Amino acid sequence: MKKVAGLQVTAGAVGLILIGTTYITLRNRKRNKLASNLLSQLSKSLNPDGKGLESETALDVKYVEKVFNSISGKIVVLKGSTATRYANEIHKAFKPWYLGGDLEENVYAVFRNLKDKVQVSQVAKAYQREHKLNLRDQLKDRFDKDEIKTVLGIISRLPKYRIV
């Protein structure tokens, strides 16, 4: 009888510990999610340049398709090999600090060679295809806010597309 009562008390204690642990885990997940949302909102308000990259539609890899779907005429686009070459030039400009760091002017030169936002999107798509990285995220990671402003300034002067 004592063994059965002891087992019941032990099972009850284990059950209470399991329920308590589950409750605490769920509460902490909810708190972490709230804290993450708060930090992301603070980051957006404190770092408007990162938000600027996010809002720049030309760096979206699907921008080309969106323009094709909305425009009935023929649009000027880059050859696939040209877009890939530009993407590789940008990638080569991102060097580790011990090799001299990033070559920002080379990245600016690529963006200055592009004639419209469709071409920027094509290069972003080629960059993702070739290097398995999002160009927008790479710029955000590698460039400081002044360099991001320069890139955004170059892109903002470009027309959305050009018709043949």
N, C-alpha and C. Protein backbone atom coordinates (compact mmCIF):
# COMPACT_ATOMS: atom_id res chain seq x y z
N MET A 1 0.81 -1.18 0.00
CA MET A 1 0.00 0.00 0.00
C MET A 1 0.86 1.26 0.00
N LYS A 2 1.96 1.18 0.79
CA LYS A 2 2.83 2.35 0.86
C LYS A 2 3.52 2.60 -0.49
N LYS A 3 3.84 1.51 -1.21
CA LYS A 3 4.49 1.66 -2.51
C LYS A 3 3.54 2.33 -3.51
N VAL A 4 2.28 1.94 -3.48
CA VAL A 4 1.31 2.50 -4.40
C VAL A 4 1.11 3.99 -4.11
N ALA A 5 0.99 4.33 -2.83
CA ALA A 5 0.81 5.73 -2.44
C ALA A 5 2.06 6.55 -2.82
N GLY A 6 3.22 5.95 -2.62
CA GLY A 6 4.46 6.63 -2.99
C GLY A 6 4.55 6.87 -4.48
N LEU A 7 4.13 5.87 -5.27
CA LEU A 7 4.14 6.01 -6.72
C LEU A 7 3.13 7.08 -7.18
N GLN A 8 1.98 7.14 -6.52
CA GLN A 8 0.98 8.14 -6.86
C GLN A 8 1.49 9.55 -6.56
N VAL A 9 2.15 9.71 -5.43
CA VAL A 9 2.70 11.01 -5.06
C VAL A 9 3.81 11.40 -6.06
N THR A 10 4.65 10.45 -6.40
CA THR A 10 5.73 10.72 -7.37
C THR A 10 5.15 11.08 -8.73
N ALA A 11 4.15 10.34 -9.20
CA ALA A 11 3.52 10.62 -10.49
C ALA A 11 2.86 12.00 -10.47
N GLY A 12 2.22 12.34 -9.37
CA GLY A 12 1.59 13.65 -9.24
C GLY A 12 2.62 14.76 -9.28
N ALA A 13 3.75 14.56 -8.59
CA ALA A 13 4.81 15.57 -8.58
C ALA A 13 5.41 15.75 -9.97
N VAL A 14 5.64 14.64 -10.67
CA VAL A 14 6.19 14.71 -12.03
C VAL A 14 5.20 15.43 -12.95
N GLY A 15 3.90 15.12 -12.79
CA GLY A 15 2.87 15.78 -13.58
C GLY A 15 2.85 17.28 -13.34
N LEU A 16 2.93 17.70 -12.07
CA LEU A 16 2.95 19.12 -11.74
C LEU A 16 4.19 19.81 -12.32
N ILE A 17 5.32 19.13 -12.23
CA ILE A 17 6.55 19.71 -12.78
C ILE A 17 6.42 19.86 -14.30
N LEU A 18 5.84 18.86 -14.98
CA LEU A 18 5.65 18.92 -16.42
C LEU A 18 4.71 20.05 -16.80
N ILE A 19 3.61 20.18 -16.09
CA ILE A 19 2.66 21.26 -16.37
C ILE A 19 3.30 22.62 -16.12
N GLY A 20 4.03 22.75 -15.03
CA GLY A 20 4.70 24.02 -14.72
C GLY A 20 5.74 24.39 -15.75
N THR A 21 6.52 23.41 -16.17
CA THR A 21 7.55 23.66 -17.18
C THR A 21 6.92 24.08 -18.50
N THR A 22 5.84 23.42 -18.90
CA THR A 22 5.15 23.78 -20.13
C THR A 22 4.61 25.19 -20.06
N TYR A 23 4.00 25.55 -18.93
CA TYR A 23 3.45 26.90 -18.76
C TYR A 23 4.56 27.95 -18.86
N ILE A 24 5.66 27.71 -18.18
CA ILE A 24 6.77 28.68 -18.20
C ILE A 24 7.36 28.81 -19.60
N THR A 25 7.51 27.69 -20.29
CA THR A 25 8.04 27.71 -21.66
C THR A 25 7.14 28.52 -22.59
N LEU A 26 5.83 28.29 -22.52
CA LEU A 26 4.90 29.03 -23.37
C LEU A 26 4.90 30.51 -23.03
N ARG A 27 4.97 30.84 -21.76
CA ARG A 27 5.00 32.24 -21.34
C ARG A 27 6.27 32.92 -21.86
N ASN A 28 7.40 32.24 -21.77
CA ASN A 28 8.66 32.81 -22.26
C ASN A 28 8.65 32.99 -23.77
N ARG A 29 8.05 32.05 -24.51
CA ARG A 29 7.95 32.20 -25.96
C ARG A 29 7.13 33.43 -26.32
N LYS A 30 6.03 33.62 -25.60
CA LYS A 30 5.17 34.78 -25.86
C LYS A 30 5.93 36.07 -25.57
N ARG A 31 6.66 36.10 -24.47
CA ARG A 31 7.47 37.28 -24.12
C ARG A 31 8.55 37.54 -25.17
N ASN A 32 9.22 36.48 -25.61
CA ASN A 32 10.27 36.64 -26.62
C ASN A 32 9.70 37.16 -27.93
N LYS A 33 8.53 36.69 -28.31
CA LYS A 33 7.90 37.16 -29.54
C LYS A 33 7.55 38.64 -29.43
N LEU A 34 7.00 39.03 -28.30
CA LEU A 34 6.68 40.45 -28.08
C LEU A 34 7.94 41.31 -28.09
N ALA A 35 8.98 40.83 -27.44
CA ALA A 35 10.24 41.58 -27.41
C ALA A 35 10.85 41.68 -28.80
N SER A 36 10.76 40.62 -29.58
CA SER A 36 11.29 40.64 -30.94
C SER A 36 10.54 41.65 -31.80
N ASN A 37 9.23 41.67 -31.69
CA ASN A 37 8.43 42.64 -32.45
C ASN A 37 8.78 44.06 -32.03
N LEU A 38 8.94 44.28 -30.74
CA LEU A 38 9.29 45.61 -30.24
C LEU A 38 10.65 46.04 -30.76
N LEU A 39 11.62 45.14 -30.71
CA LEU A 39 12.97 45.47 -31.19
C LEU A 39 12.99 45.74 -32.69
N SER A 40 12.21 44.99 -33.45
CA SER A 40 12.20 45.24 -34.89
C SER A 40 11.55 46.59 -35.20
N GLN A 41 10.52 46.96 -34.46
CA GLN A 41 9.91 48.28 -34.67
C GLN A 41 10.87 49.39 -34.27
N LEU A 42 11.59 49.21 -33.17
CA LEU A 42 12.58 50.20 -32.76
C LEU A 42 13.70 50.30 -33.78
N SER A 43 14.13 49.17 -34.31
CA SER A 43 15.19 49.17 -35.31
C SER A 43 14.77 49.94 -36.55
N LYS A 44 13.52 49.75 -36.98
CA LYS A 44 13.03 50.46 -38.16
C LYS A 44 13.01 51.96 -37.93
N SER A 45 12.60 52.38 -36.73
CA SER A 45 12.53 53.82 -36.48
C SER A 45 13.91 54.43 -36.24
N LEU A 46 14.83 53.65 -35.70
CA LEU A 46 16.18 54.17 -35.43
C LEU A 46 17.09 54.08 -36.65
N ASN A 47 16.80 53.14 -37.55
CA ASN A 47 17.65 52.95 -38.73
C ASN A 47 16.81 53.08 -39.99
N PRO A 48 16.49 54.30 -40.39
CA PRO A 48 15.65 54.47 -41.56
C PRO A 48 16.30 54.01 -42.86
N ASP A 49 17.63 53.91 -42.88
CA ASP A 49 18.32 53.48 -44.10
C ASP A 49 18.03 52.02 -44.40
N GLY A 50 17.96 51.20 -43.36
CA GLY A 50 17.59 49.80 -43.57
C GLY A 50 16.19 49.70 -44.10
N LYS A 51 15.30 50.55 -43.61
CA LYS A 51 13.93 50.59 -44.10
C LYS A 51 13.92 51.09 -45.55
N GLY A 52 14.84 51.99 -45.86
CA GLY A 52 14.94 52.49 -47.22
C GLY A 52 15.28 51.38 -48.19
N LEU A 53 16.19 50.49 -47.81
CA LEU A 53 16.51 49.34 -48.65
C LEU A 53 15.31 48.43 -48.80
N GLU A 54 14.57 48.24 -47.71
CA GLU A 54 13.39 47.38 -47.75
C GLU A 54 12.32 47.96 -48.67
N SER A 55 12.19 49.28 -48.67
CA SER A 55 11.13 49.89 -49.47
C SER A 55 11.53 50.09 -50.93
N GLU A 56 12.79 49.91 -51.27
CA GLU A 56 13.24 50.08 -52.66
C GLU A 56 12.80 48.87 -53.48
N THR A 57 11.82 49.07 -54.34
CA THR A 57 11.25 47.96 -55.11
C THR A 57 12.22 47.42 -56.16
N ALA A 58 13.15 48.22 -56.61
CA ALA A 58 14.08 47.78 -57.66
C ALA A 58 14.97 46.64 -57.17
N LEU A 59 15.20 46.53 -55.87
CA LEU A 59 16.03 45.45 -55.35
C LEU A 59 15.24 44.16 -55.14
N ASP A 60 13.96 44.19 -55.45
CA ASP A 60 13.11 43.01 -55.37
C ASP A 60 13.36 42.15 -56.61
N VAL A 61 13.63 40.87 -56.42
CA VAL A 61 13.94 39.99 -57.55
C VAL A 61 12.73 39.74 -58.44
N LYS A 62 11.54 40.02 -57.96
CA LYS A 62 10.32 39.82 -58.75
C LYS A 62 9.81 41.11 -59.39
N TYR A 63 10.56 42.18 -59.25
CA TYR A 63 10.14 43.47 -59.81
C TYR A 63 9.99 43.40 -61.33
N VAL A 64 10.88 42.67 -61.98
CA VAL A 64 10.84 42.55 -63.45
C VAL A 64 9.51 41.94 -63.88
N GLU A 65 9.10 40.85 -63.22
CA GLU A 65 7.84 40.21 -63.57
C GLU A 65 6.66 41.13 -63.31
N LYS A 66 6.72 41.89 -62.23
CA LYS A 66 5.63 42.82 -61.91
C LYS A 66 5.50 43.88 -62.99
N VAL A 67 6.62 44.39 -63.49
CA VAL A 67 6.58 45.39 -64.55
C VAL A 67 6.05 44.77 -65.84
N PHE A 68 6.51 43.57 -66.19
CA PHE A 68 6.03 42.89 -67.40
C PHE A 68 4.52 42.69 -67.34
N ASN A 69 4.00 42.36 -66.16
CA ASN A 69 2.57 42.12 -66.03
C ASN A 69 1.75 43.40 -66.10
N SER A 70 2.34 44.53 -65.75
CA SER A 70 1.58 45.77 -65.72
C SER A 70 1.74 46.62 -66.98
N ILE A 71 2.75 46.36 -67.79
CA ILE A 71 3.01 47.15 -69.00
C ILE A 71 2.73 46.30 -70.23
N SER A 72 2.05 46.89 -71.20
CA SER A 72 1.71 46.12 -72.39
C SER A 72 2.79 46.18 -73.48
N GLY A 73 3.64 47.21 -73.47
CA GLY A 73 4.68 47.35 -74.49
C GLY A 73 5.90 46.52 -74.19
N LYS A 74 6.86 46.56 -75.09
CA LYS A 74 8.12 45.85 -74.89
C LYS A 74 9.03 46.70 -74.03
N ILE A 75 9.70 46.07 -73.10
CA ILE A 75 10.55 46.75 -72.14
C ILE A 75 12.01 46.38 -72.40
N VAL A 76 12.90 47.34 -72.25
CA VAL A 76 14.33 47.11 -72.41
C VAL A 76 14.83 46.34 -71.19
N VAL A 77 15.52 45.24 -71.43
CA VAL A 77 16.09 44.43 -70.36
C VAL A 77 17.54 44.10 -70.68
N LEU A 78 18.27 43.70 -69.66
CA LEU A 78 19.65 43.26 -69.84
C LEU A 78 19.68 41.84 -70.35
N LYS A 79 20.73 41.49 -71.06
CA LYS A 79 20.97 40.09 -71.38
C LYS A 79 21.28 39.38 -70.07
N GLY A 80 20.96 38.10 -70.02
CA GLY A 80 21.22 37.32 -68.81
C GLY A 80 22.69 37.31 -68.43
N SER A 81 23.57 37.22 -69.43
CA SER A 81 25.01 37.19 -69.17
C SER A 81 25.50 38.53 -68.61
N THR A 82 24.90 39.62 -69.07
CA THR A 82 25.29 40.94 -68.58
C THR A 82 24.87 41.11 -67.12
N ALA A 83 23.66 40.69 -66.80
CA ALA A 83 23.18 40.77 -65.42
C ALA A 83 24.06 39.93 -64.50
N THR A 84 24.44 38.75 -64.97
CA THR A 84 25.31 37.88 -64.17
C THR A 84 26.69 38.51 -63.99
N ARG A 85 27.20 39.14 -65.04
CA ARG A 85 28.51 39.80 -64.93
C ARG A 85 28.46 40.92 -63.89
N TYR A 86 27.41 41.73 -63.94
CA TYR A 86 27.26 42.81 -62.95
C TYR A 86 27.13 42.24 -61.53
N ALA A 87 26.37 41.16 -61.39
CA ALA A 87 26.21 40.53 -60.07
C ALA A 87 27.55 40.03 -59.55
N ASN A 88 28.36 39.44 -60.43
CA ASN A 88 29.68 38.96 -60.02
C ASN A 88 30.61 40.11 -59.66
N GLU A 89 30.50 41.23 -60.37
CA GLU A 89 31.32 42.40 -60.04
C GLU A 89 30.97 42.92 -58.64
N ILE A 90 29.70 42.95 -58.32
CA ILE A 90 29.28 43.38 -56.98
C ILE A 90 29.83 42.42 -55.94
N HIS A 91 29.70 41.12 -56.22
CA HIS A 91 30.16 40.12 -55.25
C HIS A 91 31.67 40.21 -55.02
N LYS A 92 32.43 40.46 -56.09
CA LYS A 92 33.89 40.59 -55.96
C LYS A 92 34.27 41.83 -55.14
N ALA A 93 33.39 42.82 -55.12
CA ALA A 93 33.68 44.05 -54.37
C ALA A 93 33.54 43.86 -52.86
N PHE A 94 32.84 42.81 -52.44
CA PHE A 94 32.68 42.51 -51.01
C PHE A 94 33.84 41.64 -50.57
N LYS A 95 34.85 42.27 -49.95
CA LYS A 95 36.03 41.54 -49.51
C LYS A 95 36.12 41.57 -48.00
N PRO A 96 36.79 40.58 -47.41
CA PRO A 96 36.98 40.59 -45.95
C PRO A 96 37.87 41.76 -45.53
N TRP A 97 37.79 42.12 -44.29
CA TRP A 97 38.55 43.27 -43.78
C TRP A 97 40.04 43.07 -43.94
N TYR A 98 40.51 41.82 -43.82
CA TYR A 98 41.94 41.57 -43.89
C TYR A 98 42.47 41.63 -45.33
N LEU A 99 41.56 41.72 -46.30
CA LEU A 99 41.98 41.91 -47.69
C LEU A 99 41.67 43.33 -48.17
N GLY A 100 41.50 44.23 -47.25
CA GLY A 100 41.26 45.62 -47.61
C GLY A 100 39.83 46.08 -47.47
N GLY A 101 38.93 45.16 -47.17
CA GLY A 101 37.53 45.54 -46.99
C GLY A 101 36.79 45.69 -48.30
N ASP A 102 35.57 46.18 -48.17
CA ASP A 102 34.70 46.32 -49.33
C ASP A 102 35.17 47.43 -50.26
N LEU A 103 34.96 47.22 -51.55
CA LEU A 103 35.29 48.22 -52.57
C LEU A 103 33.99 48.90 -52.98
N GLU A 104 33.58 49.87 -52.17
CA GLU A 104 32.28 50.52 -52.37
C GLU A 104 32.17 51.17 -53.74
N GLU A 105 33.24 51.79 -54.20
CA GLU A 105 33.20 52.47 -55.49
C GLU A 105 32.89 51.51 -56.63
N ASN A 106 33.35 50.27 -56.52
CA ASN A 106 33.04 49.29 -57.56
C ASN A 106 31.54 48.96 -57.57
N VAL A 107 30.95 48.88 -56.39
CA VAL A 107 29.50 48.63 -56.30
C VAL A 107 28.74 49.82 -56.87
N TYR A 108 29.16 51.03 -56.49
CA TYR A 108 28.50 52.24 -57.02
C TYR A 108 28.60 52.27 -58.55
N ALA A 109 29.76 51.88 -59.08
CA ALA A 109 29.97 51.91 -60.53
C ALA A 109 28.98 50.97 -61.24
N VAL A 110 28.75 49.80 -60.65
CA VAL A 110 27.79 48.87 -61.26
C VAL A 110 26.41 49.50 -61.29
N PHE A 111 25.98 50.08 -60.16
CA PHE A 111 24.65 50.70 -60.12
C PHE A 111 24.57 51.90 -61.06
N ARG A 112 25.66 52.63 -61.23
CA ARG A 112 25.65 53.77 -62.16
C ARG A 112 25.56 53.31 -63.62
N ASN A 113 26.03 52.11 -63.92
CA ASN A 113 25.96 51.59 -65.29
C ASN A 113 24.55 51.13 -65.67
N LEU A 114 23.72 50.88 -64.67
CA LEU A 114 22.37 50.41 -64.94
C LEU A 114 21.49 51.59 -65.35
N LYS A 115 20.60 51.34 -66.30
CA LYS A 115 19.81 52.42 -66.91
C LYS A 115 18.42 52.59 -66.32
N ASP A 116 17.89 51.54 -65.65
CA ASP A 116 16.56 51.66 -65.05
C ASP A 116 16.42 50.64 -63.91
N LYS A 117 15.29 50.72 -63.22
CA LYS A 117 15.08 49.86 -62.05
C LYS A 117 14.83 48.41 -62.44
N VAL A 118 14.36 48.17 -63.64
CA VAL A 118 14.20 46.80 -64.13
C VAL A 118 15.57 46.13 -64.20
N GLN A 119 16.57 46.85 -64.68
CA GLN A 119 17.91 46.29 -64.75
C GLN A 119 18.49 46.04 -63.35
N VAL A 120 18.19 46.93 -62.40
CA VAL A 120 18.63 46.71 -61.02
C VAL A 120 18.03 45.40 -60.50
N SER A 121 16.76 45.20 -60.78
CA SER A 121 16.09 43.97 -60.35
C SER A 121 16.70 42.73 -61.02
N GLN A 122 17.05 42.87 -62.28
CA GLN A 122 17.68 41.75 -62.98
C GLN A 122 19.03 41.39 -62.34
N VAL A 123 19.79 42.40 -61.96
CA VAL A 123 21.08 42.15 -61.31
C VAL A 123 20.85 41.51 -59.94
N ALA A 124 19.85 42.00 -59.20
CA ALA A 124 19.53 41.41 -57.90
C ALA A 124 19.13 39.94 -58.04
N LYS A 125 18.36 39.64 -59.08
CA LYS A 125 17.95 38.26 -59.33
C LYS A 125 19.15 37.39 -59.71
N ALA A 126 20.03 37.92 -60.55
CA ALA A 126 21.25 37.19 -60.93
C ALA A 126 22.15 36.97 -59.72
N TYR A 127 22.22 37.97 -58.85
CA TYR A 127 23.05 37.85 -57.64
C TYR A 127 22.53 36.71 -56.76
N GLN A 128 21.22 36.66 -56.60
CA GLN A 128 20.65 35.60 -55.78
C GLN A 128 20.86 34.24 -56.43
N ARG A 129 20.71 34.16 -57.73
CA ARG A 129 20.88 32.89 -58.44
C ARG A 129 22.34 32.42 -58.36
N GLU A 130 23.29 33.32 -58.57
CA GLU A 130 24.70 32.95 -58.64
C GLU A 130 25.33 32.71 -57.27
N HIS A 131 24.94 33.53 -56.28
CA HIS A 131 25.65 33.50 -55.00
C HIS A 131 24.78 33.04 -53.84
N LYS A 132 23.54 32.69 -54.13
CA LYS A 132 22.60 32.17 -53.12
C LYS A 132 22.41 33.15 -51.96
N LEU A 133 22.54 34.44 -52.27
CA LEU A 133 22.37 35.50 -51.27
C LEU A 133 21.48 36.59 -51.87
N ASN A 134 20.70 37.22 -51.01
CA ASN A 134 19.86 38.33 -51.44
C ASN A 134 20.71 39.59 -51.48
N LEU A 135 20.70 40.30 -52.59
CA LEU A 135 21.53 41.51 -52.74
C LEU A 135 21.14 42.57 -51.71
N ARG A 136 19.85 42.72 -51.46
CA ARG A 136 19.39 43.69 -50.46
C ARG A 136 20.00 43.38 -49.09
N ASP A 137 19.98 42.11 -48.70
CA ASP A 137 20.55 41.72 -47.41
C ASP A 137 22.06 41.92 -47.38
N GLN A 138 22.73 41.63 -48.49
CA GLN A 138 24.18 41.83 -48.56
C GLN A 138 24.53 43.31 -48.38
N LEU A 139 23.79 44.17 -49.06
CA LEU A 139 24.05 45.61 -48.91
C LEU A 139 23.82 46.04 -47.47
N LYS A 140 22.77 45.54 -46.87
CA LYS A 140 22.45 45.89 -45.49
C LYS A 140 23.55 45.42 -44.54
N ASP A 141 24.09 44.23 -44.80
CA ASP A 141 25.12 43.66 -43.93
C ASP A 141 26.49 44.32 -44.13
N ARG A 142 26.83 44.64 -45.37
CA ARG A 142 28.19 45.07 -45.68
C ARG A 142 28.39 46.58 -45.65
N PHE A 143 27.35 47.35 -45.91
CA PHE A 143 27.49 48.80 -46.03
C PHE A 143 26.97 49.51 -44.79
N ASP A 144 27.60 50.64 -44.48
CA ASP A 144 27.07 51.47 -43.40
C ASP A 144 25.98 52.38 -43.97
N LYS A 145 25.38 53.19 -43.11
CA LYS A 145 24.21 53.95 -43.55
C LYS A 145 24.53 54.99 -44.62
N ASP A 146 25.72 55.57 -44.60
CA ASP A 146 26.08 56.54 -45.65
C ASP A 146 26.25 55.86 -47.00
N GLU A 147 26.84 54.67 -46.99
CA GLU A 147 27.02 53.93 -48.23
C GLU A 147 25.67 53.45 -48.78
N ILE A 148 24.77 53.07 -47.88
CA ILE A 148 23.42 52.67 -48.29
C ILE A 148 22.70 53.87 -48.90
N LYS A 149 22.86 55.04 -48.30
CA LYS A 149 22.24 56.25 -48.84
C LYS A 149 22.75 56.53 -50.25
N THR A 150 24.03 56.30 -50.48
CA THR A 150 24.61 56.53 -51.80
C THR A 150 23.98 55.58 -52.82
N VAL A 151 23.87 54.30 -52.46
CA VAL A 151 23.27 53.33 -53.38
C VAL A 151 21.81 53.69 -53.64
N LEU A 152 21.08 54.03 -52.58
CA LEU A 152 19.67 54.40 -52.76
C LEU A 152 19.53 55.67 -53.60
N GLY A 153 20.47 56.60 -53.45
CA GLY A 153 20.45 57.81 -54.26
C GLY A 153 20.65 57.50 -55.74
N ILE A 154 21.55 56.59 -56.04
CA ILE A 154 21.79 56.20 -57.43
C ILE A 154 20.54 55.53 -58.00
N ILE A 155 19.95 54.62 -57.25
CA ILE A 155 18.79 53.87 -57.73
C ILE A 155 17.58 54.80 -57.87
N SER A 156 17.42 55.73 -56.95
CA SER A 156 16.22 56.59 -56.99
C SER A 156 16.19 57.49 -58.22
N ARG A 157 17.35 57.79 -58.80
CA ARG A 157 17.40 58.63 -60.00
C ARG A 157 17.03 57.87 -61.27
N LEU A 158 17.00 56.56 -61.19
CA LEU A 158 16.71 55.74 -62.37
C LEU A 158 15.20 55.71 -62.65
N PRO A 159 14.84 55.65 -63.94
CA PRO A 159 13.42 55.46 -64.27
C PRO A 159 12.99 54.04 -63.91
N LYS A 160 11.68 53.84 -63.76
CA LYS A 160 11.19 52.51 -63.40
C LYS A 160 11.47 51.49 -64.49
N TYR A 161 11.30 51.88 -65.73
CA TYR A 161 11.54 51.00 -66.88
C TYR A 161 11.69 51.85 -68.12
N ARG A 162 12.14 51.21 -69.20
CA ARG A 162 12.24 51.89 -70.50
C ARG A 162 11.54 51.02 -71.54
N ILE A 163 10.77 51.67 -72.39
CA ILE A 163 10.04 50.94 -73.43
C ILE A 163 10.83 51.02 -74.73
N VAL A 164 10.83 49.90 -75.47
CA VAL A 164 11.56 49.82 -76.74
C VAL A 164 10.92 50.73 -77.77
